[in-house]
């Protein structure tokens, strides 16, 4: 029997609607003349890649929504810009990660050969081979290479998970865990909740326990962005986050802090945009947490019925390897 509190489904629906409609209204700034002049290049490029990721799962969750069309048009225009592939490489710390994301998230409406050329260069440089990658970066690269349909030499997902942080985090203090590494590992394993993560029941339960501990910890710190990621990670591990104590509390917290315009006004309570913030500062402080909230609530509210675990058929498990 469900343990959801009365009104929680309505709360997550309102939270989701507000967040994604704010993004559809505001994200065009990223690729506008004003955005080019006022925003640093690397954060702007990363924000467009994140928008492309949101649009991928938005289309799987609520494909007919008009706001999705507006957001997708922003992504398509960015991918069609001839200078965009060059902008991905300006910060050498992230260049290859950004290039692989760019290829994997290329929207269907962007008629350009640039993603294919990027993949060919990455393959020629050896980036699609397993060598010299930390476990998390290896897993991330496999995920985006698979999205791009690229030939690669990466290890199977089950092997990558065995070397990951969540697989060995059960006995570690929550303060020693990197929430982004834990949650994104789960996202990549499960295609953000759209496939079985391929874990044994014991491994799944252990990972879920780690994620729930982290959710309680981040709730106490008022980390809005991280709580949104952790709520989604609970879902990806087969739980119904609207029925877990920490997941339900996370949704309530995000609903309470959501601004009337739909934005989550900062990554955390201590990094909240001030009431008198100029529009550029408000956008920069609000974008990340609002996008995470939109992604998490879209998938949680519109995914599998009743919060049941993803199908564990042999075919689905094979697809996760």
Foldseek 3Di string as FASTA:
>chain_A
DFQFDPCLLVLLVVLLVLLLLLCLVPLLLLVDPNNVVPPDLQVSLVLLLLLLLLLVVLCVQPVPDPSSVSSVVSSLVLLQDPCNLVSLPPPVVRNLVSLLSCLLSHDPNNPDCVNVVSLVVCVVVVVLEQPPDQLLVLLSSVLSCVSNVHDGHGDALVVSVCRACLVPVLPPDLVPDDLVSLLVNLCSLQVLQVFQSLDDPVSLVSSLVSLLNNLVVCVVQQQLQSNLSSLSSNLSSQAQLSRDPSSVSSSVSQSVQQDPSSWNQARGPVGGADPPHPPVSSCVRTSNSSSSSNSSSSCSSRHDPPSGGHDDDPVRSVVSD
